[in-house]
N, C-alpha and C. Protein backbone atom coordinates (compact mmCIF):
# COMPACT_ATOMS: atom_id res chain seq x y z
N MET A 1 0.72 -1.57 0.20
CA MET A 1 -0.07 0.04 -0.33
C MET A 1 0.79 1.41 -0.08
N GLN A 2 1.42 1.20 0.60
CA GLN A 2 2.67 2.24 0.35
C GLN A 2 3.22 2.60 -0.51
N LYS A 3 3.75 1.41 -1.49
CA LYS A 3 4.46 1.64 -3.16
C LYS A 3 3.23 2.32 -3.55
N GLU A 4 2.14 1.83 -3.45
CA GLU A 4 0.44 2.28 -4.38
C GLU A 4 0.61 3.24 -3.46
N LEU A 5 0.57 4.39 -2.62
CA LEU A 5 1.07 5.34 -2.47
C LEU A 5 1.82 6.43 -2.99
N SER A 6 3.13 5.63 -3.44
CA SER A 6 3.76 6.42 -3.85
C SER A 6 4.10 6.60 -4.92
N ASP A 7 3.50 5.63 -6.34
CA ASP A 7 3.15 5.42 -7.11
C ASP A 7 2.21 7.07 -7.84
N ILE A 8 0.60 6.92 -6.76
CA ILE A 8 -0.39 7.54 -7.14
C ILE A 8 0.13 9.24 -6.47
N ALA A 9 1.39 9.43 -6.09
CA ALA A 9 1.87 10.77 -5.87
C ALA A 9 2.39 11.00 -6.77
N THR A 10 3.30 9.79 -7.19
CA THR A 10 3.97 10.45 -8.75
C THR A 10 3.32 10.70 -9.61
N SER A 11 1.97 9.90 -9.91
CA SER A 11 1.32 9.99 -11.14
C SER A 11 0.55 11.66 -11.36
N GLN A 12 0.28 11.83 -9.78
CA GLN A 12 -0.27 12.57 -9.10
C GLN A 12 0.63 14.35 -9.64
N ALA A 13 1.91 14.11 -9.71
CA ALA A 13 2.79 15.01 -9.41
C ALA A 13 2.80 15.18 -11.18
N GLU A 14 3.06 14.18 -11.94
CA GLU A 14 3.07 14.30 -13.26
C GLU A 14 1.99 15.08 -13.95
N MET A 15 0.95 14.67 -13.78
CA MET A 15 -0.68 14.98 -13.89
C MET A 15 -0.63 16.84 -13.79
N ASP A 16 0.00 17.16 -12.11
CA ASP A 16 0.10 18.51 -11.88
C ASP A 16 0.93 19.62 -13.04
N LYS A 17 2.41 18.64 -13.53
CA LYS A 17 3.33 19.07 -14.48
C LYS A 17 2.55 19.41 -15.53
N ILE A 18 1.45 18.44 -16.66
CA ILE A 18 1.53 18.75 -17.31
C ILE A 18 -0.02 19.62 -17.79
N ARG A 19 -1.04 19.53 -16.95
CA ARG A 19 -1.88 20.25 -16.92
C ARG A 19 -1.71 21.62 -16.27
N ARG A 20 -0.54 21.73 -15.85
CA ARG A 20 0.23 23.41 -15.61
C ARG A 20 0.77 23.75 -16.68
N LEU A 21 1.52 23.13 -17.64
CA LEU A 21 2.29 23.54 -18.96
C LEU A 21 0.84 23.64 -20.37
N GLU A 22 -0.43 22.86 -20.01
CA GLU A 22 -2.07 23.03 -21.33
C GLU A 22 -1.96 24.54 -20.39
N LYS A 23 -2.06 24.65 -19.50
CA LYS A 23 -3.32 26.05 -18.87
C LYS A 23 -2.12 27.33 -19.56
N GLU A 24 -1.08 27.06 -19.28
CA GLU A 24 -0.16 28.27 -19.71
C GLU A 24 -0.09 28.14 -21.95
N LYS A 25 -0.69 26.93 -21.87
CA LYS A 25 -0.46 27.62 -23.33
C LYS A 25 -1.39 27.75 -23.87
N PHE A 26 -2.94 27.25 -23.40
CA PHE A 26 -4.12 27.63 -23.28
C PHE A 26 -4.30 29.24 -23.12
N ASP A 27 -3.65 29.92 -21.91
CA ASP A 27 -3.76 30.59 -21.69
C ASP A 27 -3.37 31.68 -23.47
N VAL A 28 -1.70 31.94 -23.37
CA VAL A 28 -1.21 32.60 -24.84
C VAL A 28 -1.88 32.36 -25.89
N GLU A 29 -2.70 31.15 -26.17
CA GLU A 29 -3.06 31.02 -26.96
C GLU A 29 -4.58 31.80 -27.40
N LYS A 30 -4.51 31.72 -25.59
CA LYS A 30 -6.19 32.30 -26.22
C LYS A 30 -5.85 33.78 -25.75
N ALA A 31 -5.15 34.34 -24.84
CA ALA A 31 -4.58 35.90 -25.24
C ALA A 31 -4.14 36.38 -26.94
N ASP A 32 -3.08 35.53 -27.70
CA ASP A 32 -3.62 35.49 -29.57
C ASP A 32 -4.58 35.71 -29.81
N LEU A 33 -5.61 34.71 -29.95
CA LEU A 33 -6.94 34.91 -30.69
C LEU A 33 -7.50 35.93 -30.25
N GLU A 34 -7.97 36.16 -28.80
CA GLU A 34 -8.55 37.33 -28.45
C GLU A 34 -8.10 38.56 -28.67
N LEU A 35 -6.92 38.68 -28.93
CA LEU A 35 -5.95 40.27 -29.23
C LEU A 35 -6.62 39.98 -30.75
N GLY A 36 -6.10 38.83 -31.66
CA GLY A 36 -6.51 38.99 -33.23
C GLY A 36 -8.17 39.59 -33.91
N ILE A 37 -8.70 38.50 -32.80
CA ILE A 37 -10.60 38.72 -33.21
C ILE A 37 -10.70 40.44 -32.69
N SER A 38 -10.20 41.21 -31.65
CA SER A 38 -10.60 42.17 -31.35
C SER A 38 -9.54 43.51 -32.60
N GLY A 39 -8.68 42.71 -32.82
CA GLY A 39 -7.92 43.63 -34.45
C GLY A 39 -8.78 43.75 -35.27
N VAL A 40 -9.07 42.12 -35.41
CA VAL A 40 -9.70 42.38 -36.62
C VAL A 40 -11.15 43.19 -36.75
N LYS A 41 -11.81 43.21 -35.42
CA LYS A 41 -13.08 43.87 -35.20
C LYS A 41 -13.16 45.29 -35.64
N ARG A 42 -12.13 45.74 -35.07
CA ARG A 42 -11.17 47.21 -35.38
C ARG A 42 -11.51 47.74 -36.25
N ALA A 43 -10.85 46.66 -37.38
CA ALA A 43 -10.20 46.91 -38.90
C ALA A 43 -11.74 46.79 -39.25
N ILE A 44 -12.66 45.79 -39.63
CA ILE A 44 -13.93 45.49 -40.04
C ILE A 44 -14.61 47.12 -39.59
N LYS A 45 -14.76 47.67 -38.67
CA LYS A 45 -15.20 48.58 -38.02
C LYS A 45 -15.10 50.21 -38.77
N VAL A 46 -13.55 50.28 -38.56
CA VAL A 46 -12.65 51.36 -39.23
C VAL A 46 -12.77 51.28 -40.93
N LEU A 47 -13.30 49.94 -41.69
CA LEU A 47 -13.24 49.88 -43.37
C LEU A 47 -14.74 49.96 -43.55
N ARG A 48 -15.55 49.90 -42.55
CA ARG A 48 -16.72 50.40 -43.01
C ARG A 48 -17.00 51.59 -42.94
N ASP A 49 -16.80 51.73 -42.07
CA ASP A 49 -16.92 53.42 -41.39
C ASP A 49 -16.23 54.39 -42.46
N TYR A 50 -14.88 54.02 -43.38
CA TYR A 50 -14.77 54.55 -44.19
C TYR A 50 -15.47 54.64 -45.79
N TYR A 51 -15.73 53.11 -45.99
CA TYR A 51 -16.49 52.91 -47.06
C TYR A 51 -17.94 53.54 -47.26
N SER A 52 -18.80 53.67 -45.89
CA SER A 52 -19.41 54.71 -45.60
C SER A 52 -20.06 55.68 -45.79
N LYS A 53 -18.21 56.48 -45.54
CA LYS A 53 -17.95 57.49 -46.07
C LYS A 53 -17.81 58.00 -47.93
N SER A 54 -17.07 57.44 -47.98
CA SER A 54 -16.81 57.49 -48.97
C SER A 54 -17.60 58.42 -50.80
N ALA A 55 -16.52 59.08 -51.14
CA ALA A 55 -17.40 60.12 -51.98
C ALA A 55 -17.72 59.06 -53.27
N ASP A 56 -16.65 58.20 -54.54
CA ASP A 56 -17.51 57.54 -54.60
C ASP A 56 -17.83 56.26 -54.36
N HIS A 57 -18.58 56.45 -53.60
CA HIS A 57 -19.27 55.23 -52.99
C HIS A 57 -19.34 53.65 -53.83
N THR A 58 -20.24 53.76 -55.01
CA THR A 58 -20.68 52.79 -55.55
C THR A 58 -19.15 51.79 -55.54
N THR A 59 -17.95 52.37 -56.00
CA THR A 59 -16.49 51.89 -56.56
C THR A 59 -15.99 51.47 -55.11
N SER A 60 -16.30 52.27 -54.14
CA SER A 60 -15.67 51.66 -52.90
C SER A 60 -16.76 51.36 -52.13
N SER A 61 -17.80 50.76 -52.49
CA SER A 61 -18.31 49.77 -51.70
C SER A 61 -17.72 48.23 -51.93
N GLY A 62 -17.43 48.15 -53.65
CA GLY A 62 -17.92 46.58 -54.15
C GLY A 62 -15.91 46.59 -53.31
N ALA A 63 -15.37 47.24 -53.20
CA ALA A 63 -13.35 46.87 -52.58
C ALA A 63 -14.27 46.58 -51.53
N GLY A 64 -14.69 47.92 -50.75
CA GLY A 64 -14.41 47.45 -49.53
C GLY A 64 -15.12 46.13 -48.33
N SER A 65 -16.46 45.60 -49.47
CA SER A 65 -16.99 44.16 -49.34
C SER A 65 -16.20 43.41 -49.19
N SER A 66 -15.61 43.14 -49.93
CA SER A 66 -14.35 42.41 -50.55
C SER A 66 -13.21 42.11 -49.29
N ILE A 67 -13.20 43.37 -49.11
CA ILE A 67 -11.85 43.37 -47.72
C ILE A 67 -12.80 42.71 -46.95
N ILE A 68 -13.66 43.64 -46.63
CA ILE A 68 -14.83 43.21 -45.40
C ILE A 68 -14.49 41.99 -45.09
N GLY A 69 -15.29 41.14 -46.21
CA GLY A 69 -15.39 39.94 -45.77
C GLY A 69 -14.08 39.10 -45.64
N LEU A 70 -13.67 39.41 -46.62
CA LEU A 70 -12.44 38.68 -46.37
C LEU A 70 -11.80 39.12 -44.69
N LEU A 71 -12.05 40.26 -44.17
CA LEU A 71 -11.56 40.16 -42.70
C LEU A 71 -12.55 39.65 -41.50
N GLU A 72 -14.09 39.48 -42.27
CA GLU A 72 -15.20 38.43 -41.34
C GLU A 72 -14.45 37.06 -41.39
N VAL A 73 -13.95 36.31 -42.09
CA VAL A 73 -13.59 35.36 -42.33
C VAL A 73 -12.75 34.94 -41.49
N VAL A 74 -11.56 35.64 -41.73
CA VAL A 74 -10.59 35.78 -40.62
C VAL A 74 -11.16 35.62 -39.00
N GLU A 75 -12.15 36.71 -38.61
CA GLU A 75 -12.85 36.93 -37.44
C GLU A 75 -13.02 35.54 -36.85
N SER A 76 -14.07 35.01 -38.35
CA SER A 76 -14.71 34.29 -37.89
C SER A 76 -13.82 32.65 -37.31
N ASP A 77 -12.41 32.40 -38.77
CA ASP A 77 -11.95 31.76 -37.98
C ASP A 77 -10.86 31.79 -36.60
N PHE A 78 -10.73 33.08 -36.40
CA PHE A 78 -10.32 33.28 -34.97
C PHE A 78 -11.05 33.03 -33.83
N GLU A 79 -12.46 33.36 -33.66
CA GLU A 79 -13.32 32.64 -32.85
C GLU A 79 -13.84 31.16 -33.03
N LYS A 80 -14.22 30.83 -34.34
CA LYS A 80 -13.61 29.29 -33.97
C LYS A 80 -12.44 28.58 -33.34
N GLY A 81 -11.28 29.14 -33.90
CA GLY A 81 -10.23 28.89 -32.72
C GLY A 81 -9.94 28.95 -31.59
N LEU A 82 -10.45 29.73 -31.03
CA LEU A 82 -10.46 30.46 -29.16
C LEU A 82 -11.93 29.35 -28.62
N SER A 83 -12.82 29.08 -29.80
CA SER A 83 -13.85 27.87 -29.00
C SER A 83 -13.16 26.78 -29.21
N GLU A 84 -12.65 26.18 -29.63
CA GLU A 84 -12.42 25.02 -29.79
C GLU A 84 -11.34 25.04 -29.07
N ALA A 85 -10.29 25.94 -28.62
CA ALA A 85 -9.25 25.59 -27.24
C ALA A 85 -9.73 25.77 -26.65
N THR A 86 -11.01 26.89 -25.92
CA THR A 86 -11.09 26.83 -25.09
C THR A 86 -12.48 25.47 -24.33
N GLY A 87 -13.02 24.50 -25.27
CA GLY A 87 -13.79 23.70 -24.99
C GLY A 87 -12.64 22.66 -24.26
N GLU A 88 -11.22 22.23 -25.15
CA GLU A 88 -10.51 21.35 -24.70
C GLU A 88 -9.35 21.93 -23.37
N GLU A 89 -9.77 23.40 -23.68
CA GLU A 89 -9.49 23.43 -21.62
C GLU A 89 -10.06 22.97 -21.17
N GLU A 90 -11.12 22.99 -21.29
CA GLU A 90 -12.62 22.77 -20.27
C GLU A 90 -12.44 21.28 -19.84
N ASN A 91 -12.27 20.65 -21.23
CA ASN A 91 -12.28 19.33 -21.16
C ASN A 91 -11.32 18.94 -20.01
N SER A 92 -9.50 19.37 -20.62
CA SER A 92 -9.16 18.62 -20.10
C SER A 92 -8.59 19.21 -18.40
N GLN A 93 -9.61 20.31 -18.43
CA GLN A 93 -9.40 20.62 -16.74
C GLN A 93 -10.08 20.07 -15.81
N SER A 94 -11.32 19.21 -16.35
CA SER A 94 -12.60 18.71 -15.90
C SER A 94 -11.83 17.47 -16.24
N GLU A 95 -11.34 16.42 -16.78
CA GLU A 95 -10.42 15.59 -16.24
C GLU A 95 -9.55 15.24 -15.26
N TYR A 96 -8.89 16.31 -15.35
CA TYR A 96 -7.86 16.85 -14.43
C TYR A 96 -8.40 17.08 -12.75
N ASP A 97 -9.50 17.06 -12.85
CA ASP A 97 -9.87 17.48 -12.00
C ASP A 97 -10.76 16.07 -11.13
N THR A 98 -11.37 15.54 -12.09
CA THR A 98 -12.01 14.20 -12.27
C THR A 98 -11.35 12.97 -11.31
N LEU A 99 -9.38 12.96 -12.09
CA LEU A 99 -8.60 12.31 -11.50
C LEU A 99 -7.89 12.28 -10.58
N THR A 100 -7.74 13.65 -10.21
CA THR A 100 -7.58 14.04 -8.83
C THR A 100 -8.18 14.60 -8.21
N LYS A 101 -9.36 13.79 -7.81
CA LYS A 101 -10.50 13.33 -6.83
C LYS A 101 -10.41 12.16 -7.02
N ASP A 102 -10.47 11.50 -7.30
CA ASP A 102 -10.57 10.01 -7.29
C ASP A 102 -8.97 9.80 -6.90
N ASN A 103 -7.43 10.45 -7.01
CA ASN A 103 -6.56 10.00 -6.39
C ASN A 103 -6.35 10.35 -4.79
N GLU A 104 -7.26 11.46 -4.69
CA GLU A 104 -7.55 11.89 -3.50
C GLU A 104 -8.39 10.94 -2.59
N LEU A 105 -9.24 10.81 -2.91
CA LEU A 105 -9.83 9.63 -1.84
C LEU A 105 -9.13 8.27 -2.05
N THR A 106 -8.62 7.85 -3.90
CA THR A 106 -7.83 6.47 -2.98
C THR A 106 -6.78 6.69 -2.39
N THR A 107 -6.22 7.79 -2.26
CA THR A 107 -4.86 7.75 -1.06
C THR A 107 -5.13 8.24 0.20
N THR A 108 -6.79 9.08 0.62
CA THR A 108 -7.11 8.80 2.26
C THR A 108 -7.67 7.73 2.26
N LYS A 109 -8.42 6.66 1.77
CA LYS A 109 -7.93 5.33 1.70
C LYS A 109 -7.42 4.51 2.26
N LYS A 110 -6.39 4.39 0.96
CA LYS A 110 -4.84 3.47 1.15
C LYS A 110 -3.93 4.43 2.68
N GLU A 111 -4.31 6.38 2.78
CA GLU A 111 -3.58 5.82 3.93
C GLU A 111 -4.22 5.91 5.36
N GLN A 112 -5.50 5.26 5.19
CA GLN A 112 -6.18 4.97 6.16
C GLN A 112 -6.23 3.30 6.63
N ASP A 113 -5.93 2.83 5.62
CA ASP A 113 -5.35 1.22 5.46
C ASP A 113 -4.09 1.19 5.93
N VAL A 114 -2.61 1.83 6.00
CA VAL A 114 -2.22 2.06 6.13
C VAL A 114 -1.95 2.76 7.74
N ARG A 115 -2.56 3.17 8.56
CA ARG A 115 -2.45 3.57 9.78
C ARG A 115 -3.02 2.19 10.60
N TYR A 116 -4.23 1.53 9.74
CA TYR A 116 -4.90 0.41 10.47
C TYR A 116 -4.07 -0.95 10.30
N LYS A 117 -3.28 -1.23 9.52
CA LYS A 117 -2.59 -1.87 9.27
C LYS A 117 -1.16 -1.66 10.36
N THR A 118 -0.69 -0.20 10.15
CA THR A 118 0.65 -0.12 10.88
C THR A 118 0.09 -0.74 12.41
N LYS A 119 -1.09 -0.03 12.79
CA LYS A 119 -1.35 -0.25 14.21
C LYS A 119 -1.61 -1.91 14.80
N GLU A 120 -2.14 -2.20 13.45
CA GLU A 120 -2.72 -3.78 13.83
C GLU A 120 -1.03 -4.87 13.37
N SER A 121 -0.19 -3.83 13.02
CA SER A 121 0.90 -4.68 13.02
C SER A 121 1.50 -4.17 14.56
N LYS A 122 1.63 -2.97 15.62
CA LYS A 122 2.30 -3.63 16.30
C LYS A 122 1.86 -3.92 17.44
N ASP A 123 0.58 -3.86 17.29
CA ASP A 123 -0.44 -4.91 18.14
C ASP A 123 0.03 -6.29 17.42
N LEU A 124 0.12 -6.56 17.08
CA LEU A 124 0.56 -8.38 16.99
C LEU A 124 2.06 -8.39 17.51
N ASP A 125 3.20 -7.05 17.18
CA ASP A 125 3.84 -7.62 17.31
C ASP A 125 3.99 -7.23 19.05
N LYS A 126 3.26 -6.72 19.57
CA LYS A 126 2.94 -6.18 21.23
C LYS A 126 2.95 -8.33 21.31
N ALA A 127 1.49 -8.41 21.36
CA ALA A 127 0.93 -9.85 21.49
C ALA A 127 2.16 -10.81 21.51
N VAL A 128 2.59 -10.99 19.96
CA VAL A 128 3.93 -12.15 19.75
C VAL A 128 5.10 -12.09 21.30
N ALA A 129 5.11 -10.75 21.17
CA ALA A 129 6.46 -10.10 22.56
C ALA A 129 5.75 -11.09 23.45
N GLU A 130 4.66 -10.49 24.12
CA GLU A 130 4.30 -11.09 24.95
C GLU A 130 3.91 -12.25 25.59
N THR A 131 3.63 -13.11 24.29
CA THR A 131 3.54 -14.90 24.18
C THR A 131 4.79 -15.55 24.41
N SER A 132 6.10 -14.45 23.78
CA SER A 132 7.24 -15.51 23.42
C SER A 132 7.87 -14.99 25.01
N SER A 133 7.28 -14.18 25.61
CA SER A 133 7.56 -14.01 27.00
C SER A 133 7.04 -14.99 28.12
N ASP A 134 5.70 -15.25 27.84
CA ASP A 134 4.81 -16.46 28.52
C ASP A 134 5.35 -17.76 28.58
N ARG A 135 5.88 -17.89 27.09
CA ARG A 135 6.23 -18.96 26.56
C ARG A 135 8.03 -19.01 27.44
N GLU A 136 8.26 -18.84 26.82
CA GLU A 136 10.04 -18.42 28.14
C GLU A 136 9.94 -18.90 30.02
N ASN A 137 8.61 -18.23 29.98
CA ASN A 137 8.34 -18.36 31.45
C ASN A 137 8.08 -19.69 31.74
N VAL A 138 7.21 -20.65 30.88
CA VAL A 138 6.34 -22.28 31.12
C VAL A 138 7.71 -22.49 30.11
N GLN A 139 8.40 -22.27 29.66
CA GLN A 139 9.67 -23.43 29.30
C GLN A 139 10.86 -23.31 30.79
N THR A 140 10.24 -21.77 31.68
CA THR A 140 11.58 -22.02 32.37
C THR A 140 11.11 -23.02 33.39
N GLU A 141 9.79 -22.53 34.09
CA GLU A 141 9.19 -23.38 34.89
C GLU A 141 9.06 -24.92 34.16
N LEU A 142 8.76 -25.47 32.79
CA LEU A 142 8.82 -27.22 32.58
C LEU A 142 10.13 -27.69 33.00
N GLU A 143 11.12 -26.79 32.33
CA GLU A 143 12.23 -27.19 33.24
C GLU A 143 13.23 -27.79 34.50
N ALA A 144 12.48 -26.86 35.48
CA ALA A 144 12.58 -26.67 36.82
C ALA A 144 11.84 -28.17 37.23
N VAL A 145 10.29 -27.80 36.84
CA VAL A 145 9.62 -28.98 36.79
C VAL A 145 10.58 -30.69 36.92
N GLU A 146 10.59 -30.78 35.80
CA GLU A 146 11.43 -32.22 35.56
C GLU A 146 12.72 -32.36 35.74
N LYS A 147 13.53 -31.04 36.12
CA LYS A 147 14.49 -31.31 37.10
C LYS A 147 14.17 -31.75 38.67
N TYR A 148 13.09 -31.52 39.18
CA TYR A 148 13.05 -31.47 40.36
C TYR A 148 11.74 -33.46 40.16
N LEU A 149 11.32 -33.91 39.07
CA LEU A 149 10.80 -34.77 39.26
C LEU A 149 12.14 -35.67 38.67
N VAL A 150 13.22 -35.56 38.34
CA VAL A 150 14.37 -36.40 37.75
C VAL A 150 14.84 -36.82 39.51
N LYS A 151 14.86 -35.49 40.33
CA LYS A 151 15.72 -35.42 41.88
C LYS A 151 15.08 -36.62 42.94
N LEU A 152 12.98 -36.47 42.39
CA LEU A 152 12.26 -37.54 43.30
C LEU A 152 12.26 -38.80 42.26
N HIS A 153 12.69 -39.29 41.31
CA HIS A 153 13.24 -40.26 41.28
C HIS A 153 14.33 -41.01 41.59
N GLU A 154 15.35 -40.51 41.62
CA GLU A 154 16.59 -40.24 42.09
C GLU A 154 16.27 -41.00 43.59
N GLN A 155 15.32 -40.25 44.42
CA GLN A 155 15.19 -40.51 45.32
C GLN A 155 14.07 -41.83 46.01
N CYS A 156 13.01 -41.62 45.27
CA CYS A 156 12.00 -41.95 45.89
C CYS A 156 12.15 -43.97 44.92
N ASP A 157 12.45 -43.60 43.76
CA ASP A 157 12.67 -45.02 42.97
C ASP A 157 13.15 -46.04 43.41
N GLU A 158 12.53 -47.42 43.75
CA GLU A 158 13.26 -48.19 43.87
C GLU A 158 14.20 -49.04 42.63
N LYS A 159 15.12 -48.67 43.11
CA LYS A 159 16.58 -49.58 41.79
C LYS A 159 16.35 -51.22 41.81
N ALA A 160 16.76 -51.30 40.64
CA ALA A 160 16.49 -53.29 40.56
C ALA A 160 18.33 -53.49 40.39
N GLU A 161 18.56 -54.53 41.59
CA GLU A 161 19.64 -54.48 41.73
C GLU A 161 20.33 -55.37 40.46
N PRO A 162 21.71 -55.58 40.01
CA PRO A 162 21.77 -56.46 39.76
C PRO A 162 21.86 -57.52 39.72
N TYR A 163 21.54 -58.81 38.76
CA TYR A 163 21.02 -60.54 39.41
C TYR A 163 22.66 -61.20 40.21
N GLU A 164 23.82 -60.45 39.69
CA GLU A 164 24.83 -60.70 39.96
C GLU A 164 25.34 -60.32 41.57
N GLU A 165 24.76 -59.10 41.32
CA GLU A 165 24.97 -58.40 43.19
C GLU A 165 23.63 -59.24 43.93
N THR A 166 22.56 -59.81 43.33
CA THR A 166 22.13 -60.17 44.50
C THR A 166 22.36 -61.55 44.88
N VAL A 167 22.78 -62.16 44.34
CA VAL A 167 23.24 -63.16 44.08
C VAL A 167 24.81 -63.10 45.35
N LYS A 168 25.45 -62.16 45.14
CA LYS A 168 26.88 -61.96 45.72
C LYS A 168 26.04 -61.56 47.07
N ARG A 169 25.23 -60.10 47.18
CA ARG A 169 24.67 -60.26 48.65
C ARG A 169 24.21 -61.39 49.56
N ARG A 170 23.11 -62.25 48.65
CA ARG A 170 22.77 -63.21 49.70
C ARG A 170 23.67 -64.11 49.79
N GLY A 171 25.05 -64.44 48.87
CA GLY A 171 25.90 -65.40 49.46
C GLY A 171 26.57 -64.71 50.73
N ALA A 172 26.93 -63.12 50.74
CA ALA A 172 27.26 -63.10 51.86
C ALA A 172 26.07 -62.80 52.94
N GLU A 173 24.85 -63.01 53.30
CA GLU A 173 24.12 -63.04 53.91
C GLU A 173 24.07 -64.48 54.34
N ILE A 174 24.34 -65.97 53.56
CA ILE A 174 24.18 -67.06 54.35
C ILE A 174 25.59 -67.81 55.35
N SER A 175 26.31 -66.71 54.79
CA SER A 175 27.67 -66.65 54.71
C SER A 175 27.47 -66.58 56.49
N GLY A 176 27.66 -65.08 56.84
CA GLY A 176 26.96 -64.71 57.67
C GLY A 176 26.37 -65.22 58.85
N LEU A 177 25.53 -65.96 58.20
CA LEU A 177 24.26 -66.35 58.71
C LEU A 177 25.00 -68.02 59.53
N LYS A 178 26.00 -68.42 58.68
CA LYS A 178 26.47 -69.76 59.41
C LYS A 178 27.47 -69.43 60.01
N GLN A 179 28.17 -68.44 59.76
CA GLN A 179 29.57 -68.09 61.48
C GLN A 179 28.47 -67.95 61.95
N ALA A 180 27.59 -67.34 62.49
CA ALA A 180 26.51 -67.39 63.22
C ALA A 180 26.34 -68.42 63.42
N LEU A 181 26.03 -69.67 62.61
CA LEU A 181 25.50 -70.65 63.43
C LEU A 181 26.19 -71.53 64.04
N ASP A 182 27.83 -71.37 63.41
CA ASP A 182 28.42 -72.10 63.49
C ASP A 182 29.26 -71.79 65.07
N ILE A 183 29.17 -70.08 65.52
CA ILE A 183 30.00 -69.68 66.80
C ILE A 183 28.32 -70.53 67.95
N LEU A 184 27.51 -70.00 67.62
CA LEU A 184 26.53 -70.28 68.12
C LEU A 184 26.80 -71.86 68.56
N GLU A 185 27.09 -72.76 68.04
CA GLU A 185 26.80 -74.48 67.88
C GLU A 185 28.36 -74.63 69.25
N GLY A 186 29.63 -73.44 68.90
CA GLY A 186 30.51 -74.04 69.77
C GLY A 186 30.30 -73.72 71.38
N GLN A 187 29.35 -72.35 71.17
CA GLN A 187 28.73 -71.43 72.13
C GLN A 187 28.56 -72.72 72.81
N ALA A 188 27.50 -73.62 72.60
CA ALA A 188 26.51 -74.50 72.61
C ALA A 188 27.33 -76.08 73.39
N VAL A 189 28.42 -76.09 72.38
CA VAL A 189 29.32 -77.28 73.00
C VAL A 189 29.69 -76.52 74.44
N LEU A 190 30.46 -75.86 74.08
CA LEU A 190 31.19 -75.23 75.54
C LEU A 190 30.28 -74.50 76.87
N LEU A 191 28.54 -74.70 76.77
CA LEU A 191 27.87 -74.08 77.48
C LEU A 191 27.75 -76.08 78.35
N GLN A 192 27.64 -76.93 77.03
CA GLN A 192 27.22 -78.45 77.47
C GLN A 192 28.41 -78.66 78.50
N GLU A 193 29.68 -78.61 77.93
CA GLU A 193 30.72 -79.65 78.48
C GLU A 193 30.88 -79.00 79.61
N SER A 194 30.52 -77.46 80.35
CA SER A 194 30.85 -76.49 81.40
C SER A 194 29.67 -77.29 82.29
N THR A 195 28.62 -77.43 81.88
CA THR A 195 27.20 -78.24 82.65
C THR A 195 27.40 -79.18 82.90
N SER A 196 28.47 -80.42 82.31
CA SER A 196 28.91 -81.45 82.31
C SER A 196 30.08 -81.40 83.50
N ARG A 197 30.89 -80.49 83.81
CA ARG A 197 31.62 -80.99 84.79
C ARG A 197 31.13 -80.02 86.47
N SER A 198 30.36 -79.35 85.74
CA SER A 198 29.49 -78.70 87.08
C SER A 198 28.81 -79.91 87.76
N LEU A 199 27.70 -80.57 86.94
CA LEU A 199 27.35 -81.91 87.49
C LEU A 199 27.81 -82.87 88.22
N ARG A 200 29.29 -83.07 87.18
CA ARG A 200 30.18 -84.16 88.20
C ARG A 200 30.56 -83.97 89.05
N LYS A 201 31.34 -82.36 89.46
CA LYS A 201 31.09 -82.17 90.52
C LYS A 201 30.20 -82.31 91.69
N VAL A 202 29.31 -82.10 91.34
CA VAL A 202 27.70 -81.82 92.45
C VAL A 202 27.71 -83.17 92.81
N ASN A 203 27.75 -84.46 91.68
CA ASN A 203 27.18 -85.68 92.27
C ASN A 203 28.79 -86.34 93.23
N ARG A 204 29.99 -85.40 92.89
CA ARG A 204 31.06 -86.29 94.05
C ARG A 204 30.94 -85.56 95.11
N HIS A 205 30.30 -84.59 94.68
CA HIS A 205 30.11 -83.77 96.47
C HIS A 205 28.83 -84.59 97.00
N VAL A 206 27.87 -84.78 96.37
CA VAL A 206 26.76 -85.60 97.72
C VAL A 206 27.31 -86.85 97.60
N VAL A 207 27.86 -87.93 96.61
CA VAL A 207 28.48 -88.63 97.10
C VAL A 207 29.41 -89.01 98.25
């Protein structure tokens, strides 16, 4: 639309220049034709006055009529040329006025469209900026939540123990239990032996 506005302004400037040159040409042509018409009219009047007062009215009347008739043809041609030039000037001015009015209306409409589009563009830029900011905030929050979830999984999830580790751990537990059993059996033997000795002593004493 801005390019179209520029094209309209360029076209209007060219039209203004052409119209100005046409008007200047018409003004000069009109002035020349009006001067010519005025001069011919004066010449015809002078000749008519002269021949009407001539002493040899018959001879002068014939010659005067020819000259006056020629001047009247010239006058008619000048008036016709002025009429045609005036008509062309009026048509050119009317066409120029119509095109200028159309350009003004089109320019006004497009300028309003440009202002509307400019405002709409600024509003969209603002909305995009706000949306981008919101997205960044949400992304930051999402990343924080994901990190927290990873931490919770590390703390709370049961980790599957490899089979080898399980066998090794169970073996160690069984070995420990065997050692404990051996110790308990040894202590039982010692306790039994101690009890037997004590009983023999009691029996001897009784006997």
